[in-house]
Every structure is written in structure tokens, then in C-alpha cells.
C-alpha atoms as a PDB file:
ATOM      1  CA  UNK A   1     130.186  39.230 199.679  1.00  0.00           C
ATOM      2  CA  UNK A   2     133.506  38.495 199.033  1.00  0.00           C
ATOM      3  CA  UNK A   3     133.153  36.671 195.777  1.00  0.00           C
ATOM      4  CA  UNK A   4     130.598  39.739 194.873  1.00  0.00           C
ATOM      5  CA  UNK A   5     133.681  42.210 195.239  1.00  0.00           C
ATOM      6  CA  UNK A   6     136.398  40.129 193.949  1.00  0.00           C
ATOM      7  CA  UNK A   7     134.187  40.017 190.810  1.00  0.00           C
ATOM      8  CA  UNK A   8     133.656  43.657 190.826  1.00  0.00           C
ATOM      9  CA  UNK A   9     137.544  44.312 191.202  1.00  0.00           C
ATOM     10  CA  UNK A  10     138.510  41.592 188.119  1.00  0.00           C
ATOM     11  CA  UNK A  11     135.759  43.466 186.114  1.00  0.00           C
ATOM     12  CA  UNK A  12     137.777  46.890 186.863  1.00  0.00           C
ATOM     13  CA  UNK A  13     140.784  45.445 185.877  1.00  0.00           C
ATOM     14  CA  UNK A  14     139.623  43.863 182.801  1.00  0.00           C
ATOM     15  CA  UNK A  15     137.787  47.254 181.901  1.00  0.00           C
ATOM     16  CA  UNK A  16     141.446  48.996 180.796  1.00  0.00           C
ATOM     17  CA  UNK A  17     141.324  46.993 177.804  1.00  0.00           C
ATOM     18  CA  UNK A  18     137.797  46.184 176.488  1.00  0.00           C
ATOM     19  CA  UNK A  19     134.060  45.745 177.787  1.00  0.00           C
ATOM     20  CA  UNK A  20     134.140  42.413 179.654  1.00  0.00           C
ATOM     21  CA  UNK A  21     133.356  40.627 183.194  1.00  0.00           C
ATOM     22  CA  UNK A  22     130.668  41.016 184.715  1.00  0.00           C
ATOM     23  CA  UNK A  23     127.341  43.420 185.068  1.00  0.00           C
ATOM     24  CA  UNK A  24     124.216  42.707 187.191  1.00  0.00           C
ATOM     25  CA  UNK A  25     121.357  45.031 186.321  1.00  0.00           C
ATOM     26  CA  UNK A  26     117.598  45.516 188.107  1.00  0.00           C
ATOM     27  CA  UNK A  27     115.258  46.159 185.659  1.00  0.00           C
ATOM     28  CA  UNK A  28     112.023  46.140 187.043  1.00  0.00           C
ATOM     29  CA  UNK A  29     108.836  43.915 184.933  1.00  0.00           C
ATOM     30  CA  UNK A  30     107.046  46.833 184.046  1.00  0.00           C
ATOM     31  CA  UNK A  31     109.045  47.680 181.573  1.00  0.00           C
ATOM     32  CA  UNK A  32     109.642  44.217 179.665  1.00  0.00           C
ATOM     33  CA  UNK A  33     107.701  44.538 176.689  1.00  0.00           C
ATOM     34  CA  UNK A  34     108.466  48.035 175.926  1.00  0.00           C
ATOM     35  CA  UNK A  35     112.042  48.625 176.862  1.00  0.00           C
ATOM     36  CA  UNK A  36     113.968  45.529 179.211  1.00  0.00           C
ATOM     37  CA  UNK A  37     113.566  42.793 176.002  1.00  0.00           C
ATOM     38  CA  UNK A  38     114.306  44.941 173.305  1.00  0.00           C
ATOM     39  CA  UNK A  39     117.222  46.369 175.289  1.00  0.00           C
ATOM     40  CA  UNK A  40     119.013  43.141 176.825  1.00  0.00           C
ATOM     41  CA  UNK A  41     119.372  41.741 173.397  1.00  0.00           C
ATOM     42  CA  UNK A  42     120.717  44.087 171.846  1.00  0.00           C
ATOM     43  CA  UNK A  43     123.296  44.459 174.777  1.00  0.00           C
ATOM     44  CA  UNK A  44     124.506  41.019 174.671  1.00  0.00           C
ATOM     45  CA  UNK A  45     124.752  41.019 170.566  1.00  0.00           C
ATOM     46  CA  UNK A  46     126.977  44.006 170.754  1.00  0.00           C
ATOM     47  CA  UNK A  47     129.065  43.376 173.915  1.00  0.00           C
ATOM     48  CA  UNK A  48     129.462  39.123 173.785  1.00  0.00           C
ATOM     49  CA  UNK A  49     132.172  39.682 176.283  1.00  0.00           C
ATOM     50  CA  UNK A  50     130.112  41.032 178.910  1.00  0.00           C
ATOM     51  CA  UNK A  51     128.195  38.085 181.372  1.00  0.00           C
ATOM     52  CA  UNK A  52     125.222  40.566 182.074  1.00  0.00           C
ATOM     53  CA  UNK A  53     122.723  39.003 185.199  1.00  0.00           C
ATOM     54  CA  UNK A  54     119.253  40.936 185.397  1.00  0.00           C
ATOM     55  CA  UNK A  55     117.615  41.017 188.467  1.00  0.00           C
ATOM     56  CA  UNK A  56     113.776  41.541 187.829  1.00  0.00           C
ATOM     57  CA  UNK A  57     111.996  43.016 190.905  1.00  0.00           C
ATOM     58  CA  UNK A  58     109.973  46.123 191.872  1.00  0.00           C
ATOM     59  CA  UNK A  59     111.636  49.097 192.955  1.00  0.00           C
ATOM     60  CA  UNK A  60     112.215  48.771 196.371  1.00  0.00           C
ATOM     61  CA  UNK A  61     113.923  45.551 196.206  1.00  0.00           C
ATOM     62  CA  UNK A  62     116.501  46.720 193.211  1.00  0.00           C
ATOM     63  CA  UNK A  63     116.883  49.643 195.337  1.00  0.00           C
ATOM     64  CA  UNK A  64     117.801  47.294 198.492  1.00  0.00           C
ATOM     65  CA  UNK A  65     120.012  45.109 195.845  1.00  0.00           C
ATOM     66  CA  UNK A  66     122.200  48.322 194.879  1.00  0.00           C
ATOM     67  CA  UNK A  67     122.554  49.392 198.455  1.00  0.00           C
ATOM     68  CA  UNK A  68     123.054  45.770 199.521  1.00  0.00           C
ATOM     69  CA  UNK A  69     126.107  45.767 196.714  1.00  0.00           C
ATOM     70  CA  UNK A  70     124.436  42.628 194.422  1.00  0.00           C
ATOM     71  CA  UNK A  71     123.250  44.716 191.923  1.00  0.00           C
ATOM     72  CA  UNK A  72     125.612  47.395 190.310  1.00  0.00           C
ATOM     73  CA  UNK A  73     122.654  50.065 188.556  1.00  0.00           C
ATOM     74  CA  UNK A  74     118.989  49.628 187.945  1.00  0.00           C
ATOM     75  CA  UNK A  75     116.113  51.434 186.511  1.00  0.00           C
ATOM     76  CA  UNK A  76     113.098  52.250 189.541  1.00  0.00           C
ATOM     77  CA  UNK A  77     110.438  54.400 189.205  1.00  0.00           C
ATOM     78  CA  UNK A  78     112.246  57.559 191.161  1.00  0.00           C
ATOM     79  CA  UNK A  79     112.546  57.883 195.031  1.00  0.00           C
ATOM     80  CA  UNK A  80     113.795  61.308 196.566  1.00  0.00           C
ATOM     81  CA  UNK A  81     115.150  59.546 199.823  1.00  0.00           C
ATOM     82  CA  UNK A  82     116.781  56.583 198.141  1.00  0.00           C
ATOM     83  CA  UNK A  83     119.995  57.730 199.482  1.00  0.00           C
ATOM     84  CA  UNK A  84     121.645  56.431 195.525  1.00  0.00           C
ATOM     85  CA  UNK A  85     123.049  58.238 192.759  1.00  0.00           C
ATOM     86  CA  UNK A  86     120.113  58.928 190.410  1.00  0.00           C
ATOM     87  CA  UNK A  87     119.694  60.285 187.081  1.00  0.00           C
ATOM     88  CA  UNK A  88     116.025  61.566 185.721  1.00  0.00           C
ATOM     89  CA  UNK A  89     115.311  59.286 182.810  1.00  0.00           C
ATOM     90  CA  UNK A  90     111.210  60.382 181.945  1.00  0.00           C
ATOM     91  CA  UNK A  91     108.676  60.831 183.015  1.00  0.00           C
ATOM     92  CA  UNK A  92     105.215  58.619 182.645  1.00  0.00           C
ATOM     93  CA  UNK A  93     101.749  58.748 183.269  1.00  0.00           C
ATOM     94  CA  UNK A  94      99.696  56.391 184.621  1.00  0.00           C
ATOM     95  CA  UNK A  95      96.265  55.456 183.292  1.00  0.00           C
ATOM     96  CA  UNK A  96      92.554  54.257 184.315  1.00  0.00           C
ATOM     97  CA  UNK A  97      92.304  50.766 182.847  1.00  0.00           C
ATOM     98  CA  UNK A  98      89.088  49.102 181.802  1.00  0.00           C
ATOM     99  CA  UNK A  99      87.769  46.022 180.314  1.00  0.00           C
ATOM    100  CA  UNK A 100      88.380  46.524 176.348  1.00  0.00           C
ATOM    101  CA  UNK A 101      84.436  46.648 175.758  1.00  0.00           C
ATOM    102  CA  UNK A 102      84.403  50.214 177.732  1.00  0.00           C
ATOM    103  CA  UNK A 103      86.362  51.885 174.649  1.00  0.00           C
ATOM    104  CA  UNK A 104      88.170  54.203 176.727  1.00  0.00           C
ATOM    105  CA  UNK A 105      90.099  56.423 174.505  1.00  0.00           C
ATOM    106  CA  UNK A 106      93.781  56.602 174.716  1.00  0.00           C
ATOM    107  CA  UNK A 107      94.089  60.411 173.174  1.00  0.00           C
ATOM    108  CA  UNK A 108      91.184  61.836 176.007  1.00  0.00           C
ATOM    109  CA  UNK A 109      92.349  62.335 179.162  1.00  0.00           C
ATOM    110  CA  UNK A 110      90.074  61.895 182.731  1.00  0.00           C
ATOM    111  CA  UNK A 111      90.538  63.360 186.181  1.00  0.00           C
ATOM    112  CA  UNK A 112      91.114  61.260 188.863  1.00  0.00           C
ATOM    113  CA  UNK A 113      87.665  61.557 190.104  1.00  0.00           C
ATOM    114  CA  UNK A 114      86.225  59.167 187.304  1.00  0.00           C
ATOM    115  CA  UNK A 115      88.185  56.307 189.159  1.00  0.00           C
ATOM    116  CA  UNK A 116      87.037  57.195 192.459  1.00  0.00           C
ATOM    117  CA  UNK A 117      83.877  53.952 193.930  1.00  0.00           C
ATOM    118  CA  UNK A 118      85.676  51.918 191.414  1.00  0.00           C
ATOM    119  CA  UNK A 119      86.508  48.490 191.681  1.00  0.00           C
ATOM    120  CA  UNK A 120      90.741  48.408 191.560  1.00  0.00           C
ATOM    121  CA  UNK A 121      93.269  45.813 191.038  1.00  0.00           C
ATOM    122  CA  UNK A 122      96.391  47.584 192.075  1.00  0.00           C
ATOM    123  CA  UNK A 123      99.894  46.690 192.783  1.00  0.00           C
ATOM    124  CA  UNK A 124     100.285  46.103 196.302  1.00  0.00           C
ATOM    125  CA  UNK A 125     101.635  48.583 198.834  1.00  0.00           C
ATOM    126  CA  UNK A 126     105.471  47.996 198.437  1.00  0.00           C
ATOM    127  CA  UNK A 127     105.546  49.271 194.527  1.00  0.00           C
ATOM    128  CA  UNK A 128     105.436  52.532 194.294  1.00  0.00           C
ATOM    129  CA  UNK A 129     103.145  52.455 191.561  1.00  0.00           C
ATOM    130  CA  UNK A 130     100.354  51.921 195.028  1.00  0.00           C
ATOM    131  CA  UNK A 131     102.259  54.712 196.774  1.00  0.00           C
ATOM    132  CA  UNK A 132     101.720  57.858 193.991  1.00  0.00           C
ATOM    133  CA  UNK A 133      98.469  56.372 193.383  1.00  0.00           C
ATOM    134  CA  UNK A 134      97.427  56.551 197.077  1.00  0.00           C
ATOM    135  CA  UNK A 135      99.003  60.138 197.807  1.00  0.00           C
ATOM    136  CA  UNK A 136      96.873  61.196 194.273  1.00  0.00           C
ATOM    137  CA  UNK A 137      93.799  59.588 195.626  1.00  0.00           C
ATOM    138  CA  UNK A 138      94.168  61.336 199.040  1.00  0.00           C
ATOM    139  CA  UNK A 139      95.517  64.497 198.498  1.00  0.00           C
ATOM    140  CA  UNK A 140      91.692  64.442 196.273  1.00  0.00           C
ATOM    141  CA  UNK A 141      90.462  63.051 199.172  1.00  0.00           C
ATOM    142  CA  UNK A 142      88.697  60.768 197.330  1.00  0.00           C
ATOM    143  CA  UNK A 143      87.521  57.066 197.806  1.00  0.00           C
ATOM    144  CA  UNK A 144      89.706  53.954 197.042  1.00  0.00           C
ATOM    145  CA  UNK A 145      87.633  50.611 196.604  1.00  0.00           C
ATOM    146  CA  UNK A 146      90.727  48.188 195.877  1.00  0.00           C
ATOM    147  CA  UNK A 147      89.367  44.393 195.175  1.00  0.00           C
ATOM    148  CA  UNK A 148      93.368  43.029 195.269  1.00  0.00           C
ATOM    149  CA  UNK A 149      96.496  43.478 194.890  1.00  0.00           C
ATOM    150  CA  UNK A 150      99.246  42.011 192.982  1.00  0.00           C
ATOM    151  CA  UNK A 151     102.954  42.913 192.004  1.00  0.00           C
ATOM    152  CA  UNK A 152     102.363  41.383 188.648  1.00  0.00           C
ATOM    153  CA  UNK A 153     101.216  43.860 186.253  1.00  0.00           C
ATOM    154  CA  UNK A 154     100.353  41.543 183.769  1.00  0.00           C
ATOM    155  CA  UNK A 155      97.593  39.618 185.752  1.00  0.00           C
ATOM    156  CA  UNK A 156      96.726  43.029 186.483  1.00  0.00           C
ATOM    157  CA  UNK A 157      95.880  43.574 182.700  1.00  0.00           C
ATOM    158  CA  UNK A 158      94.517  39.965 182.401  1.00  0.00           C
ATOM    159  CA  UNK A 159      92.376  40.745 185.221  1.00  0.00           C
ATOM    160  CA  UNK A 160      91.018  43.874 183.793  1.00  0.00           C
ATOM    161  CA  UNK A 161      90.305  42.265 180.407  1.00  0.00           C
ATOM    162  CA  UNK A 162      87.965  39.529 181.736  1.00  0.00           C
ATOM    163  CA  UNK A 163      86.054  42.434 183.214  1.00  0.00           C
ATOM    164  CA  UNK A 164      86.878  41.371 186.874  1.00  0.00           C
ATOM    165  CA  UNK A 165      87.452  45.123 187.858  1.00  0.00           C
ATOM    166  CA  UNK A 166      89.688  48.728 186.857  1.00  0.00           C
ATOM    167  CA  UNK A 167      93.157  49.430 187.604  1.00  0.00           C
ATOM    168  CA  UNK A 168      95.665  52.309 187.454  1.00  0.00           C
ATOM    169  CA  UNK A 169      99.093  51.415 185.788  1.00  0.00           C
ATOM    170  CA  UNK A 170     101.566  53.089 183.101  1.00  0.00           C
ATOM    171  CA  UNK A 171     100.968  52.895 179.475  1.00  0.00           C
ATOM    172  CA  UNK A 172     104.648  50.269 179.929  1.00  0.00           C
ATOM    173  CA  UNK A 173     102.781  47.459 181.501  1.00  0.00           C
ATOM    174  CA  UNK A 174      99.709  47.499 179.452  1.00  0.00           C
ATOM    175  CA  UNK A 175     100.846  48.029 175.984  1.00  0.00           C
ATOM    176  CA  UNK A 176     100.671  44.411 175.444  1.00  0.00           C
ATOM    177  CA  UNK A 177      97.234  44.252 176.386  1.00  0.00           C
ATOM    178  CA  UNK A 178      96.123  47.135 174.416  1.00  0.00           C
ATOM    179  CA  UNK A 179      97.686  46.379 171.151  1.00  0.00           C
ATOM    180  CA  UNK A 180      95.981  42.767 171.183  1.00  0.00           C
ATOM    181  CA  UNK A 181      92.227  44.528 171.648  1.00  0.00           C
ATOM    182  CA  UNK A 182      92.189  43.002 175.460  1.00  0.00           C
ATOM    183  CA  UNK A 183      91.744  45.951 177.281  1.00  0.00           C
ATOM    184  CA  UNK A 184      90.842  50.186 177.253  1.00  0.00           C
ATOM    185  CA  UNK A 185      92.455  53.193 178.840  1.00  0.00           C
ATOM    186  CA  UNK A 186      92.483  56.967 178.849  1.00  0.00           C
ATOM    187  CA  UNK A 187      95.295  58.791 180.750  1.00  0.00           C
ATOM    188  CA  UNK A 188      94.827  60.159 184.202  1.00  0.00           C
ATOM    189  CA  UNK A 189      95.639  63.886 184.055  1.00  0.00           C
ATOM    190  CA  UNK A 190      98.149  64.775 186.606  1.00  0.00           C
ATOM    191  CA  UNK A 191      98.992  61.568 187.680  1.00  0.00           C
ATOM    192  CA  UNK A 192     103.106  59.926 186.868  1.00  0.00           C
ATOM    193  CA  UNK A 193     105.606  58.357 187.963  1.00  0.00           C
ATOM    194  CA  UNK A 194     108.996  59.522 187.009  1.00  0.00           C
ATOM    195  CA  UNK A 195     111.518  56.749 186.017  1.00  0.00           C
ATOM    196  CA  UNK A 196     115.377  57.196 187.070  1.00  0.00           C
ATOM    197  CA  UNK A 197     118.521  55.335 186.165  1.00  0.00           C
ATOM    198  CA  UNK A 198     120.364  54.588 189.967  1.00  0.00           C
ATOM    199  CA  UNK A 199     123.562  53.509 191.192  1.00  0.00           C
ATOM    200  CA  UNK A 200     125.847  53.370 194.291  1.00  0.00           C
ATOM    201  CA  UNK A 201     126.392  57.299 195.467  1.00  0.00           C
ATOM    202  CA  UNK A 202     130.429  56.512 195.880  1.00  0.00           C
ATOM    203  CA  UNK A 203     131.039  54.350 193.366  1.00  0.00           C
ATOM    204  CA  UNK A 204     132.277  54.812 189.308  1.00  0.00           C
ATOM    205  CA  UNK A 205     130.188  52.675 187.020  1.00  0.00           C
ATOM    206  CA  UNK A 206     132.319  50.408 185.089  1.00  0.00           C
ATOM    207  CA  UNK A 207     132.224  49.985 181.166  1.00  0.00           C
ATOM    208  CA  UNK A 208     129.789  47.676 181.298  1.00  0.00           C
ATOM    209  CA  UNK A 209     127.428  49.957 183.442  1.00  0.00           C
ATOM    210  CA  UNK A 210     128.626  52.700 181.235  1.00  0.00           C
ATOM    211  CA  UNK A 211     127.711  51.224 177.808  1.00  0.00           C
ATOM    212  CA  UNK A 212     124.608  49.543 179.575  1.00  0.00           C
ATOM    213  CA  UNK A 213     123.649  52.821 180.197  1.00  0.00           C
ATOM    214  CA  UNK A 214     123.786  55.090 177.481  1.00  0.00           C
ATOM    215  CA  UNK A 215     122.460  51.891 175.220  1.00  0.00           C
ATOM    216  CA  UNK A 216     119.512  52.475 177.169  1.00  0.00           C
ATOM    217  CA  UNK A 217     119.573  56.544 176.870  1.00  0.00           C
ATOM    218  CA  UNK A 218     119.302  55.838 173.233  1.00  0.00           C
ATOM    219  CA  UNK A 219     116.864  53.625 173.345  1.00  0.00           C
ATOM    220  CA  UNK A 220     114.168  55.422 175.663  1.00  0.00           C
ATOM    221  CA  UNK A 221     115.122  58.714 173.157  1.00  0.00           C
ATOM    222  CA  UNK A 222     114.320  56.762 169.909  1.00  0.00           C
ATOM    223  CA  UNK A 223     110.925  54.923 171.727  1.00  0.00           C
ATOM    224  CA  UNK A 224     109.464  58.411 173.767  1.00  0.00           C
ATOM    225  CA  UNK A 225     110.570  61.114 170.837  1.00  0.00           C
ATOM    226  CA  UNK A 226     109.691  58.701 168.441  1.00  0.00           C
ATOM    227  CA  UNK A 227     105.931  58.847 170.183  1.00  0.00           C
ATOM    228  CA  UNK A 228     106.245  55.030 170.546  1.00  0.00           C
ATOM    229  CA  UNK A 229     105.509  55.385 174.170  1.00  0.00           C
ATOM    230  CA  UNK A 230     102.316  57.082 174.964  1.00  0.00           C
ATOM    231  CA  UNK A 231     102.530  59.253 178.035  1.00  0.00           C
ATOM    232  CA  UNK A 232     106.386  59.511 178.209  1.00  0.00           C
ATOM    233  CA  UNK A 233     108.128  62.792 178.420  1.00  0.00           C
ATOM    234  CA  UNK A 234     112.056  63.550 178.710  1.00  0.00           C
ATOM    235  CA  UNK A 235     110.697  66.014 180.929  1.00  0.00           C
ATOM    236  CA  UNK A 236     109.174  66.778 183.698  1.00  0.00           C
ATOM    237  CA  UNK A 237     106.389  68.720 182.108  1.00  0.00           C
ATOM    238  CA  UNK A 238     103.973  66.443 181.154  1.00  0.00           C
ATOM    239  CA  UNK A 239     102.909  66.643 176.986  1.00  0.00           C
ATOM    240  CA  UNK A 240      99.365  66.179 175.556  1.00  0.00           C
ATOM    241  CA  UNK A 241      98.844  62.556 174.012  1.00  0.00           C
ATOM    242  CA  UNK A 242      97.866  63.512 170.124  1.00  0.00           C
ATOM    243  CA  UNK A 243      95.459  60.920 168.308  1.00  0.00           C
ATOM    244  CA  UNK A 244      98.556  60.332 166.070  1.00  0.00           C
ATOM    245  CA  UNK A 245     100.893  59.045 168.665  1.00  0.00           C
ATOM    246  CA  UNK A 246      98.682  56.794 169.746  1.00  0.00           C
ATOM    247  CA  UNK A 247      97.859  55.525 166.795  1.00  0.00           C
ATOM    248  CA  UNK A 248     101.865  55.577 165.558  1.00  0.00           C
ATOM    249  CA  UNK A 249     101.977  53.465 169.004  1.00  0.00           C
ATOM    250  CA  UNK A 250      99.515  50.898 168.417  1.00  0.00           C
ATOM    251  CA  UNK A 251     100.826  50.204 164.715  1.00  0.00           C
ATOM    252  CA  UNK A 252     104.411  49.527 166.220  1.00  0.00           C
ATOM    253  CA  UNK A 253     102.942  47.492 169.000  1.00  0.00           C
ATOM    254  CA  UNK A 254     101.226  45.140 166.135  1.00  0.00           C
ATOM    255  CA  UNK A 255     104.057  45.122 164.236  1.00  0.00           C
ATOM    256  CA  UNK A 256     106.319  43.611 167.010  1.00  0.00           C
ATOM    257  CA  UNK A 257     109.546  44.995 167.845  1.00  0.00           C
END
């Protein structure tokens, strides 16, 4: 801990001249394909004097890392009780994910009861996706049939592709499998999570962290407003998913970043 605090003090001094030093950022695996890889690549290219440390993990672990002064800032699924400085980023609809052969329509919203009784593979109960899903099933008094759980959304998508079960995940976690034609999915009406940028409540962001934050906002705005992130809106009012948005997003994924 003393070494970490010394590094932070050294970075504050360095901040007075130019971006340099150390920055530790927490990123959830679910957004890797849609956001993290491109974001980290761009940041490292533009700010080569900043030593960037990436910590991947679920929101609960990333929040704990900030509370323990091991992570400077993170992108998490919002939790109002986390006790951190929190900035809303965007709202993302969750999708019912099925094998490709079922030909679910990305442009056709489903109600939650379509998932009732289906064999599901979900993230585990420490994951905020699972919390949102269980809360929704509970409010609607619908039965859940969970075959297995995992914190690897890529594994979940692969198992759905094999026909083992269905799942409920955000678009960011299934975009790669969708672009390869391995699965199909439809948005679930009224089921969503909110993403947030979090940092320590009483600590000013260093210049490297502020630059990361701004680059993050720019990339999210470009992807969401450019209709390349299905089911994501930068307000707390979900927007309808249109057919032209669907095709634009799939085309972009097929052509790479």
C-alpha cells in the first residue's frame, strides 16, 4: 500500500508538466470487444509516457479495488450503494440470447415472460447483470430455470451457440458472437443496466485519469450516437432499436474496428 501511495504522489508531481506516471483502470470483460480494446489501444498510442495498468473483473471486484486504493477509476454496472464518485455513462438493454437456428430478431422486442421456464446460463450472483435479471423475474413473479452460471460472458455465448441453453446478456457481451452468426438475440422490453464511471469519492482525478475519462466519453458517444451499440442510449430513457441501426452495427462488426 505504501508503494502504491508513493507512486500516486509521484504521479501528481509529474502531472504538473505533461501526462506521465501510472494509471490503474478497472474494466469489465463484457465490454472488451465493443469498447476496451479500442480504448486502451488509442490511449497507449496517444499517451505513451503513461504506464497504464488494466484490471479486468466484475463490477463488485472493481469497486472493491477502488475502495482499497488499488484502482484509480473503473467502468462498472451502476450500484447506487457503492459509496464512490459515480458518473452515469449510458443505459444498455439486456437481450434474450438463443442459438442461431432460432433466428431471434435483433429488431423485435420481447417481453420477459418469453424467458420464463427456458433453460438459462447466466452470470453468477455476484455479477450485476444477474442482480438485474433476478430482480426483474422477481417483480414479475416469473419462474427462472438456471442450468449453470459463469462470470465469463464469452463462455456463456459459446454455450448458447452450441444449443446448450439460452442466456440474458447485454449487446456488448454478445456482439462478437452475433457478428459471426453463432447466436441470435432479441431485446427484452424494460430490462436494462446502467453503466457508470467510478472513482474515489474524495480524491481528484490525476491528469492521466482525466485524459482516460475524456477518451472514454468520446468513444462511447461515437459508438452509441453512431448506432453501432444496439440497445445503448446515453440517457435513462431507453430508445427503440431500429432495423437500420441493427444492420449498421452488424456491418461494422463484420468489418472490424
